[in-house]
Amino acid sequence: LGRHFRTEGWLIGYTLGQAVILFILTYEV
């Protein structure tokens, strides 16, 4: 996403990754 949308793309992509972590750990809890 950063290649196409610059800083916004990087932030969106990294936030998506952290959201995946949150979803997995919430399921585990």
mmCIF file of all heavy atoms, coordinates in Angstrom:
data_MODEL
# 
_entry.id   MODEL 
# 
loop_
_atom_site.group_PDB 
_atom_site.id 
_atom_site.type_symbol 
_atom_site.label_atom_id 
_atom_site.label_alt_id 
_atom_site.label_comp_id 
_atom_site.label_asym_id 
_atom_site.label_entity_id 
_atom_site.label_seq_id 
_atom_site.pdbx_PDB_ins_code 
_atom_site.Cartn_x 
_atom_site.Cartn_y 
_atom_site.Cartn_z 
_atom_site.occupancy 
_atom_site.B_iso_or_equiv 
_atom_site.pdbx_formal_charge 
_atom_site.auth_seq_id 
_atom_site.auth_comp_id 
_atom_site.auth_asym_id 
_atom_site.auth_atom_id 
_atom_site.pdbx_PDB_model_num 
ATOM 1   N N   . LEU A 1 1  ? 0.825   -1.210  0.000  1.00 0.00 ? 1  LEU A N   1 
ATOM 2   C CA  . LEU A 1 1  ? 0.000   0.000   0.000  1.00 0.00 ? 1  LEU A CA  1 
ATOM 3   C C   . LEU A 1 1  ? 0.860   1.261   0.000  1.00 0.00 ? 1  LEU A C   1 
ATOM 4   O O   . LEU A 1 1  ? 0.483   2.277   -0.588 1.00 0.00 ? 1  LEU A O   1 
ATOM 5   C CB  . LEU A 1 1  ? -0.922  0.001   1.220  1.00 0.00 ? 1  LEU A CB  1 
ATOM 6   C CG  . LEU A 1 1  ? -1.984  -1.103  1.253  1.00 0.00 ? 1  LEU A CG  1 
ATOM 7   C CD1 . LEU A 1 1  ? -2.744  -1.089  2.575  1.00 0.00 ? 1  LEU A CD1 1 
ATOM 8   C CD2 . LEU A 1 1  ? -2.957  -0.934  0.083  1.00 0.00 ? 1  LEU A CD2 1 
ATOM 9   N N   . GLY A 1 2  ? 2.013   1.200   0.671  1.00 0.00 ? 2  GLY A N   1 
ATOM 10  C CA  . GLY A 1 2  ? 2.895   2.365   0.707  1.00 0.00 ? 2  GLY A CA  1 
ATOM 11  C C   . GLY A 1 2  ? 3.448   2.725   -0.653 1.00 0.00 ? 2  GLY A C   1 
ATOM 12  O O   . GLY A 1 2  ? 3.711   3.907   -0.934 1.00 0.00 ? 2  GLY A O   1 
ATOM 13  N N   . ARG A 1 3  ? 3.609   1.738   -1.495 1.00 0.00 ? 3  ARG A N   1 
ATOM 14  C CA  . ARG A 1 3  ? 4.118   1.997   -2.846 1.00 0.00 ? 3  ARG A CA  1 
ATOM 15  C C   . ARG A 1 3  ? 3.136   2.857   -3.653 1.00 0.00 ? 3  ARG A C   1 
ATOM 16  O O   . ARG A 1 3  ? 3.544   3.649   -4.503 1.00 0.00 ? 3  ARG A O   1 
ATOM 17  C CB  . ARG A 1 3  ? 4.369   0.674   -3.573 1.00 0.00 ? 3  ARG A CB  1 
ATOM 18  C CG  . ARG A 1 3  ? 5.025   0.814   -4.940 1.00 0.00 ? 3  ARG A CG  1 
ATOM 19  C CD  . ARG A 1 3  ? 5.250   -0.548  -5.553 1.00 0.00 ? 3  ARG A CD  1 
ATOM 20  N NE  . ARG A 1 3  ? 6.147   -1.365  -4.740 1.00 0.00 ? 3  ARG A NE  1 
ATOM 21  C CZ  . ARG A 1 3  ? 7.477   -1.311  -4.838 1.00 0.00 ? 3  ARG A CZ  1 
ATOM 22  N NH1 . ARG A 1 3  ? 8.047   -0.473  -5.684 1.00 0.00 ? 3  ARG A NH1 1 
ATOM 23  N NH2 . ARG A 1 3  ? 8.213   -2.084  -4.086 1.00 0.00 ? 3  ARG A NH2 1 
ATOM 24  N N   . HIS A 1 4  ? 1.842   2.705   -3.358 1.00 0.00 ? 4  HIS A N   1 
ATOM 25  C CA  . HIS A 1 4  ? 0.808   3.424   -4.112 1.00 0.00 ? 4  HIS A CA  1 
ATOM 26  C C   . HIS A 1 4  ? 0.251   4.636   -3.368 1.00 0.00 ? 4  HIS A C   1 
ATOM 27  O O   . HIS A 1 4  ? -0.132  5.622   -3.997 1.00 0.00 ? 4  HIS A O   1 
ATOM 28  C CB  . HIS A 1 4  ? -0.335  2.461   -4.460 1.00 0.00 ? 4  HIS A CB  1 
ATOM 29  C CG  . HIS A 1 4  ? 0.084   1.287   -5.280 1.00 0.00 ? 4  HIS A CG  1 
ATOM 30  N ND1 . HIS A 1 4  ? 0.380   1.391   -6.627 1.00 0.00 ? 4  HIS A ND1 1 
ATOM 31  C CD2 . HIS A 1 4  ? 0.282   -0.017  -4.943 1.00 0.00 ? 4  HIS A CD2 1 
ATOM 32  C CE1 . HIS A 1 4  ? 0.719   0.202   -7.096 1.00 0.00 ? 4  HIS A CE1 1 
ATOM 33  N NE2 . HIS A 1 4  ? 0.676   -0.671  -6.096 1.00 0.00 ? 4  HIS A NE2 1 
ATOM 34  N N   . PHE A 1 5  ? 0.185   4.556   -2.032 1.00 0.00 ? 5  PHE A N   1 
ATOM 35  C CA  . PHE A 1 5  ? -0.480  5.619   -1.255 1.00 0.00 ? 5  PHE A CA  1 
ATOM 36  C C   . PHE A 1 5  ? 0.444   6.303   -0.248 1.00 0.00 ? 5  PHE A C   1 
ATOM 37  O O   . PHE A 1 5  ? -0.031  6.980   0.661  1.00 0.00 ? 5  PHE A O   1 
ATOM 38  C CB  . PHE A 1 5  ? -1.706  5.031   -0.531 1.00 0.00 ? 5  PHE A CB  1 
ATOM 39  C CG  . PHE A 1 5  ? -2.690  4.374   -1.453 1.00 0.00 ? 5  PHE A CG  1 
ATOM 40  C CD1 . PHE A 1 5  ? -2.802  2.992   -1.504 1.00 0.00 ? 5  PHE A CD1 1 
ATOM 41  C CD2 . PHE A 1 5  ? -3.501  5.140   -2.280 1.00 0.00 ? 5  PHE A CD2 1 
ATOM 42  C CE1 . PHE A 1 5  ? -3.707  2.376   -2.354 1.00 0.00 ? 5  PHE A CE1 1 
ATOM 43  C CE2 . PHE A 1 5  ? -4.417  4.535   -3.137 1.00 0.00 ? 5  PHE A CE2 1 
ATOM 44  C CZ  . PHE A 1 5  ? -4.515  3.154   -3.182 1.00 0.00 ? 5  PHE A CZ  1 
ATOM 45  N N   . ARG A 1 6  ? 1.748   6.079   -0.379 1.00 0.00 ? 6  ARG A N   1 
ATOM 46  C CA  . ARG A 1 6  ? 2.755   6.760   0.443  1.00 0.00 ? 6  ARG A CA  1 
ATOM 47  C C   . ARG A 1 6  ? 2.518   6.541   1.939  1.00 0.00 ? 6  ARG A C   1 
ATOM 48  O O   . ARG A 1 6  ? 2.270   5.423   2.356  1.00 0.00 ? 6  ARG A O   1 
ATOM 49  C CB  . ARG A 1 6  ? 2.797   8.262   0.097  1.00 0.00 ? 6  ARG A CB  1 
ATOM 50  C CG  . ARG A 1 6  ? 2.810   8.597   -1.391 1.00 0.00 ? 6  ARG A CG  1 
ATOM 51  C CD  . ARG A 1 6  ? 3.978   7.993   -2.121 1.00 0.00 ? 6  ARG A CD  1 
ATOM 52  N NE  . ARG A 1 6  ? 5.257   8.553   -1.673 1.00 0.00 ? 6  ARG A NE  1 
ATOM 53  C CZ  . ARG A 1 6  ? 6.433   8.136   -2.139 1.00 0.00 ? 6  ARG A CZ  1 
ATOM 54  N NH1 . ARG A 1 6  ? 6.491   7.154   -3.022 1.00 0.00 ? 6  ARG A NH1 1 
ATOM 55  N NH2 . ARG A 1 6  ? 7.551   8.694   -1.699 1.00 0.00 ? 6  ARG A NH2 1 
ATOM 56  N N   . THR A 1 7  ? 2.586   7.605   2.724  1.00 0.00 ? 7  THR A N   1 
ATOM 57  C CA  . THR A 1 7  ? 2.496   7.450   4.183  1.00 0.00 ? 7  THR A CA  1 
ATOM 58  C C   . THR A 1 7  ? 1.154   6.869   4.631  1.00 0.00 ? 7  THR A C   1 
ATOM 59  O O   . THR A 1 7  ? 1.102   6.067   5.563  1.00 0.00 ? 7  THR A O   1 
ATOM 60  C CB  . THR A 1 7  ? 2.713   8.810   4.881  1.00 0.00 ? 7  THR A CB  1 
ATOM 61  O OG1 . THR A 1 7  ? 1.805   9.776   4.339  1.00 0.00 ? 7  THR A OG1 1 
ATOM 62  C CG2 . THR A 1 7  ? 4.127   9.300   4.708  1.00 0.00 ? 7  THR A CG2 1 
ATOM 63  N N   . GLU A 1 8  ? 0.075   7.277   3.963  1.00 0.00 ? 8  GLU A N   1 
ATOM 64  C CA  . GLU A 1 8  ? -1.229  6.728   4.325  1.00 0.00 ? 8  GLU A CA  1 
ATOM 65  C C   . GLU A 1 8  ? -1.258  5.209   4.119  1.00 0.00 ? 8  GLU A C   1 
ATOM 66  O O   . GLU A 1 8  ? -1.794  4.461   4.939  1.00 0.00 ? 8  GLU A O   1 
ATOM 67  C CB  . GLU A 1 8  ? -2.345  7.370   3.498  1.00 0.00 ? 8  GLU A CB  1 
ATOM 68  C CG  . GLU A 1 8  ? -2.625  8.828   3.823  1.00 0.00 ? 8  GLU A CG  1 
ATOM 69  C CD  . GLU A 1 8  ? -1.760  9.780   3.010  1.00 0.00 ? 8  GLU A CD  1 
ATOM 70  O OE1 . GLU A 1 8  ? -0.720  9.335   2.450  1.00 0.00 ? 8  GLU A OE1 1 
ATOM 71  O OE2 . GLU A 1 8  ? -2.128  10.968  2.925  1.00 0.00 ? 8  GLU A OE2 1 
ATOM 72  N N   . GLY A 1 9  ? -0.655  4.754   3.024  1.00 0.00 ? 9  GLY A N   1 
ATOM 73  C CA  . GLY A 1 9  ? -0.600  3.329   2.749  1.00 0.00 ? 9  GLY A CA  1 
ATOM 74  C C   . GLY A 1 9  ? 0.200   2.561   3.789  1.00 0.00 ? 9  GLY A C   1 
ATOM 75  O O   . GLY A 1 9  ? -0.197  1.477   4.230  1.00 0.00 ? 9  GLY A O   1 
ATOM 76  N N   . TRP A 1 10 ? 1.334   3.125   4.198  1.00 0.00 ? 10 TRP A N   1 
ATOM 77  C CA  . TRP A 1 10 ? 2.142   2.475   5.227  1.00 0.00 ? 10 TRP A CA  1 
ATOM 78  C C   . TRP A 1 10 ? 1.378   2.373   6.541  1.00 0.00 ? 10 TRP A C   1 
ATOM 79  O O   . TRP A 1 10 ? 1.390   1.344   7.207  1.00 0.00 ? 10 TRP A O   1 
ATOM 80  C CB  . TRP A 1 10 ? 3.449   3.255   5.447  1.00 0.00 ? 10 TRP A CB  1 
ATOM 81  C CG  . TRP A 1 10 ? 4.560   2.755   4.582  1.00 0.00 ? 10 TRP A CG  1 
ATOM 82  C CD1 . TRP A 1 10 ? 4.894   3.181   3.331  1.00 0.00 ? 10 TRP A CD1 1 
ATOM 83  C CD2 . TRP A 1 10 ? 5.474   1.702   4.898  1.00 0.00 ? 10 TRP A CD2 1 
ATOM 84  N NE1 . TRP A 1 10 ? 5.959   2.467   2.837  1.00 0.00 ? 10 TRP A NE1 1 
ATOM 85  C CE2 . TRP A 1 10 ? 6.340   1.558   3.789  1.00 0.00 ? 10 TRP A CE2 1 
ATOM 86  C CE3 . TRP A 1 10 ? 5.643   0.878   6.000  1.00 0.00 ? 10 TRP A CE3 1 
ATOM 87  C CZ2 . TRP A 1 10 ? 7.367   0.606   3.762  1.00 0.00 ? 10 TRP A CZ2 1 
ATOM 88  C CZ3 . TRP A 1 10 ? 6.664   -0.073  5.978  1.00 0.00 ? 10 TRP A CZ3 1 
ATOM 89  C CH2 . TRP A 1 10 ? 7.512   -0.199  4.867  1.00 0.00 ? 10 TRP A CH2 1 
ATOM 90  N N   . LEU A 1 11 ? 0.698   3.437   6.923  1.00 0.00 ? 11 LEU A N   1 
ATOM 91  C CA  . LEU A 1 11 ? -0.045  3.421   8.181  1.00 0.00 ? 11 LEU A CA  1 
ATOM 92  C C   . LEU A 1 11 ? -1.212  2.428   8.121  1.00 0.00 ? 11 LEU A C   1 
ATOM 93  O O   . LEU A 1 11 ? -1.450  1.673   9.076  1.00 0.00 ? 11 LEU A O   1 
ATOM 94  C CB  . LEU A 1 11 ? -0.570  4.816   8.500  1.00 0.00 ? 11 LEU A CB  1 
ATOM 95  C CG  . LEU A 1 11 ? -1.352  4.961   9.815  1.00 0.00 ? 11 LEU A CG  1 
ATOM 96  C CD1 . LEU A 1 11 ? -0.488  4.547   10.997 1.00 0.00 ? 11 LEU A CD1 1 
ATOM 97  C CD2 . LEU A 1 11 ? -1.852  6.387   9.991  1.00 0.00 ? 11 LEU A CD2 1 
ATOM 98  N N   . ILE A 1 12 ? -1.935  2.412   6.996  1.00 0.00 ? 12 ILE A N   1 
ATOM 99  C CA  . ILE A 1 12 ? -3.050  1.478   6.845  1.00 0.00 ? 12 ILE A CA  1 
ATOM 100 C C   . ILE A 1 12 ? -2.551  0.036   6.919  1.00 0.00 ? 12 ILE A C   1 
ATOM 101 O O   . ILE A 1 12 ? -3.128  -0.812  7.618  1.00 0.00 ? 12 ILE A O   1 
ATOM 102 C CB  . ILE A 1 12 ? -3.786  1.720   5.512  1.00 0.00 ? 12 ILE A CB  1 
ATOM 103 C CG1 . ILE A 1 12 ? -4.490  3.084   5.531  1.00 0.00 ? 12 ILE A CG1 1 
ATOM 104 C CG2 . ILE A 1 12 ? -4.804  0.609   5.248  1.00 0.00 ? 12 ILE A CG2 1 
ATOM 105 C CD1 . ILE A 1 12 ? -5.056  3.494   4.180  1.00 0.00 ? 12 ILE A CD1 1 
ATOM 106 N N   . GLY A 1 13 ? -1.473  -0.249  6.197  1.00 0.00 ? 13 GLY A N   1 
ATOM 107 C CA  . GLY A 1 13 ? -0.932  -1.609  6.182  1.00 0.00 ? 13 GLY A CA  1 
ATOM 108 C C   . GLY A 1 13 ? -0.465  -2.066  7.543  1.00 0.00 ? 13 GLY A C   1 
ATOM 109 O O   . GLY A 1 13 ? -0.772  -3.186  7.983  1.00 0.00 ? 13 GLY A O   1 
ATOM 110 N N   . TYR A 1 14 ? 0.274   -1.200  8.243  1.00 0.00 ? 14 TYR A N   1 
ATOM 111 C CA  . TYR A 1 14 ? 0.787   -1.594  9.554  1.00 0.00 ? 14 TYR A CA  1 
ATOM 112 C C   . TYR A 1 14 ? -0.351  -1.742  10.566 1.00 0.00 ? 14 TYR A C   1 
ATOM 113 O O   . TYR A 1 14 ? -0.334  -2.654  11.401 1.00 0.00 ? 14 TYR A O   1 
ATOM 114 C CB  . TYR A 1 14 ? 1.805   -0.573  10.055 1.00 0.00 ? 14 TYR A CB  1 
ATOM 115 C CG  . TYR A 1 14 ? 2.536   -1.053  11.283 1.00 0.00 ? 14 TYR A CG  1 
ATOM 116 C CD1 . TYR A 1 14 ? 3.556   -2.000  11.173 1.00 0.00 ? 14 TYR A CD1 1 
ATOM 117 C CD2 . TYR A 1 14 ? 2.190   -0.600  12.549 1.00 0.00 ? 14 TYR A CD2 1 
ATOM 118 C CE1 . TYR A 1 14 ? 4.225   -2.466  12.294 1.00 0.00 ? 14 TYR A CE1 1 
ATOM 119 C CE2 . TYR A 1 14 ? 2.844   -1.074  13.673 1.00 0.00 ? 14 TYR A CE2 1 
ATOM 120 C CZ  . TYR A 1 14 ? 3.861   -2.002  13.540 1.00 0.00 ? 14 TYR A CZ  1 
ATOM 121 O OH  . TYR A 1 14 ? 4.501   -2.476  14.658 1.00 0.00 ? 14 TYR A OH  1 
ATOM 122 N N   . THR A 1 15 ? -1.341  -0.851  10.484 1.00 0.00 ? 15 THR A N   1 
ATOM 123 C CA  . THR A 1 15 ? -2.508  -0.960  11.365 1.00 0.00 ? 15 THR A CA  1 
ATOM 124 C C   . THR A 1 15 ? -3.238  -2.274  11.120 1.00 0.00 ? 15 THR A C   1 
ATOM 125 O O   . THR A 1 15 ? -3.707  -2.922  12.066 1.00 0.00 ? 15 THR A O   1 
ATOM 126 C CB  . THR A 1 15 ? -3.465  0.220   11.136 1.00 0.00 ? 15 THR A CB  1 
ATOM 127 O OG1 . THR A 1 15 ? -2.781  1.451   11.404 1.00 0.00 ? 15 THR A OG1 1 
ATOM 128 C CG2 . THR A 1 15 ? -4.684  0.125   12.049 1.00 0.00 ? 15 THR A CG2 1 
ATOM 129 N N   . LEU A 1 16 ? -3.346  -2.684  9.865  1.00 0.00 ? 16 LEU A N   1 
ATOM 130 C CA  . LEU A 1 16 ? -3.975  -3.961  9.530  1.00 0.00 ? 16 LEU A CA  1 
ATOM 131 C C   . LEU A 1 16 ? -3.252  -5.115  10.213 1.00 0.00 ? 16 LEU A C   1 
ATOM 132 O O   . LEU A 1 16 ? -3.889  -6.023  10.770 1.00 0.00 ? 16 LEU A O   1 
ATOM 133 C CB  . LEU A 1 16 ? -3.975  -4.159  8.013  1.00 0.00 ? 16 LEU A CB  1 
ATOM 134 C CG  . LEU A 1 16 ? -4.505  -5.512  7.504  1.00 0.00 ? 16 LEU A CG  1 
ATOM 135 C CD1 . LEU A 1 16 ? -5.972  -5.676  7.878  1.00 0.00 ? 16 LEU A CD1 1 
ATOM 136 C CD2 . LEU A 1 16 ? -4.328  -5.613  5.988  1.00 0.00 ? 16 LEU A CD2 1 
ATOM 137 N N   . GLY A 1 17 ? -1.922  -5.079  10.183 1.00 0.00 ? 17 GLY A N   1 
ATOM 138 C CA  . GLY A 1 17 ? -1.147  -6.137  10.835 1.00 0.00 ? 17 GLY A CA  1 
ATOM 139 C C   . GLY A 1 17 ? -1.389  -6.196  12.330 1.00 0.00 ? 17 GLY A C   1 
ATOM 140 O O   . GLY A 1 17 ? -1.547  -7.282  12.905 1.00 0.00 ? 17 GLY A O   1 
ATOM 141 N N   . GLN A 1 18 ? -1.429  -5.025  12.989 1.00 0.00 ? 18 GLN A N   1 
ATOM 142 C CA  . GLN A 1 18 ? -1.689  -5.000  14.432 1.00 0.00 ? 18 GLN A CA  1 
ATOM 143 C C   . GLN A 1 18 ? -3.111  -5.451  14.753 1.00 0.00 ? 18 GLN A C   1 
ATOM 144 O O   . GLN A 1 18 ? -3.354  -6.090  15.781 1.00 0.00 ? 18 GLN A O   1 
ATOM 145 C CB  . GLN A 1 18 ? -1.457  -3.587  14.977 1.00 0.00 ? 18 GLN A CB  1 
ATOM 146 C CG  . GLN A 1 18 ? -0.040  -3.059  14.777 1.00 0.00 ? 18 GLN A CG  1 
ATOM 147 C CD  . GLN A 1 18 ? 1.027   -4.020  15.271 1.00 0.00 ? 18 GLN A CD  1 
ATOM 148 O OE1 . GLN A 1 18 ? 1.052   -4.373  16.445 1.00 0.00 ? 18 GLN A OE1 1 
ATOM 149 N NE2 . GLN A 1 18 ? 1.890   -4.464  14.370 1.00 0.00 ? 18 GLN A NE2 1 
ATOM 150 N N   . ALA A 1 19 ? -4.051  -5.140  13.855 1.00 0.00 ? 19 ALA A N   1 
ATOM 151 C CA  . ALA A 1 19 ? -5.433  -5.589  14.044 1.00 0.00 ? 19 ALA A CA  1 
ATOM 152 C C   . ALA A 1 19 ? -5.513  -7.111  13.952 1.00 0.00 ? 19 ALA A C   1 
ATOM 153 O O   . ALA A 1 19 ? -6.302  -7.744  14.679 1.00 0.00 ? 19 ALA A O   1 
ATOM 154 C CB  . ALA A 1 19 ? -6.352  -4.939  13.002 1.00 0.00 ? 19 ALA A CB  1 
ATOM 155 N N   . VAL A 1 20 ? -4.719  -7.711  13.082 1.00 0.00 ? 20 VAL A N   1 
ATOM 156 C CA  . VAL A 1 20 ? -4.672  -9.171  12.980 1.00 0.00 ? 20 VAL A CA  1 
ATOM 157 C C   . VAL A 1 20 ? -4.165  -9.772  14.294 1.00 0.00 ? 20 VAL A C   1 
ATOM 158 O O   . VAL A 1 20 ? -4.723  -10.758 14.800 1.00 0.00 ? 20 VAL A O   1 
ATOM 159 C CB  . VAL A 1 20 ? -3.759  -9.604  11.807 1.00 0.00 ? 20 VAL A CB  1 
ATOM 160 C CG1 . VAL A 1 20 ? -3.494  -11.109 11.856 1.00 0.00 ? 20 VAL A CG1 1 
ATOM 161 C CG2 . VAL A 1 20 ? -4.402  -9.237  10.474 1.00 0.00 ? 20 VAL A CG2 1 
ATOM 162 N N   . ILE A 1 21 ? -3.119  -9.173  14.850 1.00 0.00 ? 21 ILE A N   1 
ATOM 163 C CA  . ILE A 1 21 ? -2.594  -9.633  16.142 1.00 0.00 ? 21 ILE A CA  1 
ATOM 164 C C   . ILE A 1 21 ? -3.674  -9.541  17.211 1.00 0.00 ? 21 ILE A C   1 
ATOM 165 O O   . ILE A 1 21 ? -3.884  -10.473 17.995 1.00 0.00 ? 21 ILE A O   1 
ATOM 166 C CB  . ILE A 1 21 ? -1.367  -8.808  16.558 1.00 0.00 ? 21 ILE A CB  1 
ATOM 167 C CG1 . ILE A 1 21 ? -0.233  -8.983  15.560 1.00 0.00 ? 21 ILE A CG1 1 
ATOM 168 C CG2 . ILE A 1 21 ? -0.893  -9.216  17.956 1.00 0.00 ? 21 ILE A CG2 1 
ATOM 169 C CD1 . ILE A 1 21 ? 0.961   -8.072  15.814 1.00 0.00 ? 21 ILE A CD1 1 
ATOM 170 N N   . LEU A 1 22 ? -4.364  -8.400  17.246 1.00 0.00 ? 22 LEU A N   1 
ATOM 171 C CA  . LEU A 1 22 ? -5.419  -8.191  18.242 1.00 0.00 ? 22 LEU A CA  1 
ATOM 172 C C   . LEU A 1 22 ? -6.527  -9.229  18.092 1.00 0.00 ? 22 LEU A C   1 
ATOM 173 O O   . LEU A 1 22 ? -7.020  -9.778  19.091 1.00 0.00 ? 22 LEU A O   1 
ATOM 174 C CB  . LEU A 1 22 ? -5.985  -6.782  18.103 1.00 0.00 ? 22 LEU A CB  1 
ATOM 175 C CG  . LEU A 1 22 ? -7.120  -6.399  19.065 1.00 0.00 ? 22 LEU A CG  1 
ATOM 176 C CD1 . LEU A 1 22 ? -6.656  -6.489  20.511 1.00 0.00 ? 22 LEU A CD1 1 
ATOM 177 C CD2 . LEU A 1 22 ? -7.636  -4.999  18.750 1.00 0.00 ? 22 LEU A CD2 1 
ATOM 178 N N   . PHE A 1 23 ? -6.931  -9.506  16.866 1.00 0.00 ? 23 PHE A N   1 
ATOM 179 C CA  . PHE A 1 23 ? -7.995  -10.484 16.625 1.00 0.00 ? 23 PHE A CA  1 
ATOM 180 C C   . PHE A 1 23 ? -7.571  -11.871 17.101 1.00 0.00 ? 23 PHE A C   1 
ATOM 181 O O   . PHE A 1 23 ? -8.344  -12.578 17.770 1.00 0.00 ? 23 PHE A O   1 
ATOM 182 C CB  . PHE A 1 23 ? -8.337  -10.522 15.127 1.00 0.00 ? 23 PHE A CB  1 
ATOM 183 C CG  . PHE A 1 23 ? -9.356  -11.572 14.768 1.00 0.00 ? 23 PHE A CG  1 
ATOM 184 C CD1 . PHE A 1 23 ? -10.706 -11.346 14.955 1.00 0.00 ? 23 PHE A CD1 1 
ATOM 185 C CD2 . PHE A 1 23 ? -8.950  -12.800 14.249 1.00 0.00 ? 23 PHE A CD2 1 
ATOM 186 C CE1 . PHE A 1 23 ? -11.646 -12.327 14.630 1.00 0.00 ? 23 PHE A CE1 1 
ATOM 187 C CE2 . PHE A 1 23 ? -9.875  -13.778 13.926 1.00 0.00 ? 23 PHE A CE2 1 
ATOM 188 C CZ  . PHE A 1 23 ? -11.232 -13.533 14.113 1.00 0.00 ? 23 PHE A CZ  1 
ATOM 189 N N   . ILE A 1 24 ? -6.342  -12.276 16.770 1.00 0.00 ? 24 ILE A N   1 
ATOM 190 C CA  . ILE A 1 24 ? -5.858  -13.610 17.157 1.00 0.00 ? 24 ILE A CA  1 
ATOM 191 C C   . ILE A 1 24 ? -5.794  -13.745 18.675 1.00 0.00 ? 24 ILE A C   1 
ATOM 192 O O   . ILE A 1 24 ? -6.255  -14.737 19.254 1.00 0.00 ? 24 ILE A O   1 
ATOM 193 C CB  . ILE A 1 24 ? -4.474  -13.885 16.543 1.00 0.00 ? 24 ILE A CB  1 
ATOM 194 C CG1 . ILE A 1 24 ? -4.567  -13.962 15.017 1.00 0.00 ? 24 ILE A CG1 1 
ATOM 195 C CG2 . ILE A 1 24 ? -3.878  -15.180 17.100 1.00 0.00 ? 24 ILE A CG2 1 
ATOM 196 C CD1 . ILE A 1 24 ? -3.219  -14.068 14.323 1.00 0.00 ? 24 ILE A CD1 1 
ATOM 197 N N   . LEU A 1 25 ? -5.230  -12.722 19.342 1.00 0.00 ? 25 LEU A N   1 
ATOM 198 C CA  . LEU A 1 25 ? -5.078  -12.798 20.791 1.00 0.00 ? 25 LEU A CA  1 
ATOM 199 C C   . LEU A 1 25 ? -6.425  -12.708 21.508 1.00 0.00 ? 25 LEU A C   1 
ATOM 200 O O   . LEU A 1 25 ? -6.616  -13.337 22.550 1.00 0.00 ? 25 LEU A O   1 
ATOM 201 C CB  . LEU A 1 25 ? -4.141  -11.691 21.275 1.00 0.00 ? 25 LEU A CB  1 
ATOM 202 C CG  . LEU A 1 25 ? -2.692  -11.783 20.785 1.00 0.00 ? 25 LEU A CG  1 
ATOM 203 C CD1 . LEU A 1 25 ? -1.837  -10.709 21.428 1.00 0.00 ? 25 LEU A CD1 1 
ATOM 204 C CD2 . LEU A 1 25 ? -2.108  -13.169 21.082 1.00 0.00 ? 25 LEU A CD2 1 
ATOM 205 N N   . THR A 1 26 ? -7.353  -11.923 20.954 1.00 0.00 ? 26 THR A N   1 
ATOM 206 C CA  . THR A 1 26 ? -8.697  -11.863 21.535 1.00 0.00 ? 26 THR A CA  1 
ATOM 207 C C   . THR A 1 26 ? -9.370  -13.233 21.462 1.00 0.00 ? 26 THR A C   1 
ATOM 208 O O   . THR A 1 26 ? -10.006 -13.681 22.427 1.00 0.00 ? 26 THR A O   1 
ATOM 209 C CB  . THR A 1 26 ? -9.558  -10.823 20.788 1.00 0.00 ? 26 THR A CB  1 
ATOM 210 O OG1 . THR A 1 26 ? -8.971  -9.524  20.948 1.00 0.00 ? 26 THR A OG1 1 
ATOM 211 C CG2 . THR A 1 26 ? -10.982 -10.796 21.344 1.00 0.00 ? 26 THR A CG2 1 
ATOM 212 N N   . TYR A 1 27 ? -9.216  -13.885 20.335 1.00 0.00 ? 27 TYR A N   1 
ATOM 213 C CA  . TYR A 1 27 ? -9.758  -15.242 20.192 1.00 0.00 ? 27 TYR A CA  1 
ATOM 214 C C   . TYR A 1 27 ? -9.138  -16.181 21.218 1.00 0.00 ? 27 TYR A C   1 
ATOM 215 O O   . TYR A 1 27 ? -9.849  -17.005 21.834 1.00 0.00 ? 27 TYR A O   1 
ATOM 216 C CB  . TYR A 1 27 ? -9.493  -15.759 18.772 1.00 0.00 ? 27 TYR A CB  1 
ATOM 217 C CG  . TYR A 1 27 ? -9.821  -17.228 18.591 1.00 0.00 ? 27 TYR A CG  1 
ATOM 218 C CD1 . TYR A 1 27 ? -11.141 -17.649 18.434 1.00 0.00 ? 27 TYR A CD1 1 
ATOM 219 C CD2 . TYR A 1 27 ? -8.797  -18.177 18.582 1.00 0.00 ? 27 TYR A CD2 1 
ATOM 220 C CE1 . TYR A 1 27 ? -11.442 -18.987 18.273 1.00 0.00 ? 27 TYR A CE1 1 
ATOM 221 C CE2 . TYR A 1 27 ? -9.093  -19.530 18.427 1.00 0.00 ? 27 TYR A CE2 1 
ATOM 222 C CZ  . TYR A 1 27 ? -10.413 -19.928 18.278 1.00 0.00 ? 27 TYR A CZ  1 
ATOM 223 O OH  . TYR A 1 27 ? -10.710 -21.254 18.131 1.00 0.00 ? 27 TYR A OH  1 
ATOM 224 N N   . GLU A 1 28 ? -7.826  -16.082 21.433 1.00 0.00 ? 28 GLU A N   1 
ATOM 225 C CA  . GLU A 1 28 ? -7.153  -16.951 22.395 1.00 0.00 ? 28 GLU A CA  1 
ATOM 226 C C   . GLU A 1 28 ? -7.651  -16.702 23.813 1.00 0.00 ? 28 GLU A C   1 
ATOM 227 O O   . GLU A 1 28 ? -7.842  -17.643 24.595 1.00 0.00 ? 28 GLU A O   1 
ATOM 228 C CB  . GLU A 1 28 ? -5.639  -16.748 22.321 1.00 0.00 ? 28 GLU A CB  1 
ATOM 229 C CG  . GLU A 1 28 ? -4.988  -17.222 21.031 1.00 0.00 ? 28 GLU A CG  1 
ATOM 230 C CD  . GLU A 1 28 ? -5.087  -18.723 20.843 1.00 0.00 ? 28 GLU A CD  1 
ATOM 231 O OE1 . GLU A 1 28 ? -5.154  -19.443 21.853 1.00 0.00 ? 28 GLU A OE1 1 
ATOM 232 O OE2 . GLU A 1 28 ? -5.105  -19.184 19.685 1.00 0.00 ? 28 GLU A OE2 1 
ATOM 233 N N   . VAL A 1 29 ? -7.851  -15.432 24.160 1.00 0.00 ? 29 VAL A N   1 
ATOM 234 C CA  . VAL A 1 29 ? -8.342  -15.102 25.502 1.00 0.00 ? 29 VAL A CA  1 
ATOM 235 C C   . VAL A 1 29 ? -9.731  -15.687 25.722 1.00 0.00 ? 29 VAL A C   1 
ATOM 236 O O   . VAL A 1 29 ? -10.009 -16.330 26.747 1.00 0.00 ? 29 VAL A O   1 
ATOM 237 C CB  . VAL A 1 29 ? -8.363  -13.576 25.724 1.00 0.00 ? 29 VAL A CB  1 
ATOM 238 C CG1 . VAL A 1 29 ? -9.126  -13.229 27.001 1.00 0.00 ? 29 VAL A CG1 1 
ATOM 239 C CG2 . VAL A 1 29 ? -6.946  -13.028 25.816 1.00 0.00 ? 29 VAL A CG2 1 
# 
